[in-house]
Amino acid sequence: MLYILKKTVEKIVAIGNHYVIQVKRNQLTLFREIERVIIEQKPLDTYVEYEKNHGRQSSWHVSVFNARTSHKASEWKNLSRFIHVHKHTIKNGKQIYSNRFYISDESTTSAQYFHEGIRGHWEIENNLHWVKDVIHHEDRNAITTNNGPVNSAVFSTISINIHRKNGVHSITKGQIKFGANVKKLFRLLRT
């Protein structure tokens, strides 16, 4: 798998794009190298953001490190940065800490730049994929023949888009609202 990921990175760079990829513990030597670097190096830049919503307080601490001097730089095409994201959340009096590591070929040292990109990705994950998995139960979909799975996924996406376009943030509440007023839903579909 690691070999495939390295080949994918090479293709991403070859067509003129950039990458920011999360490194997990199943890539142990790279993971440990990032841990070593963040202990031994001073960050090139740091960024902190505080957030209070949904009954929780969170802080994001993002640090960017030079990966060019790492022995792993020769293994990953154009590897330039290690990014460390430390998140601290307090919810219902319980404290949760998480550390995530990323690699990137971007030459920028801006921790805010990386933070916004990583958060943007997670926003897509939370606002689309989570809804499809948890609310629409796509992972448990029993439709398996012909175009059924694709059609089901398309209808799921269309319904989410209709809700979002009409200012509905909670898909569950939107389904209840439009389920009780099908005529209004059909009017929205025609526009």
Foldseek 3Di string as FASTA:
>chain_A
DVVVVQVVLVVCVVVPHKDKFWDDCVNPVVVVQLVVQVVPDDFPDWDKDWDDDPQKIKMKIKTKTFCCPPPCCVSHPQWGIKMKIWMWMAHPNDIDIDIIIIIINDNDSDRVVVVVVVVVVVCCCVQPVCCCCPVVVLVPDPDDDDCVNVVSSVVSVVLSVLCVVVPNRDSVVVCVVCVVPVVVVVVSVVD
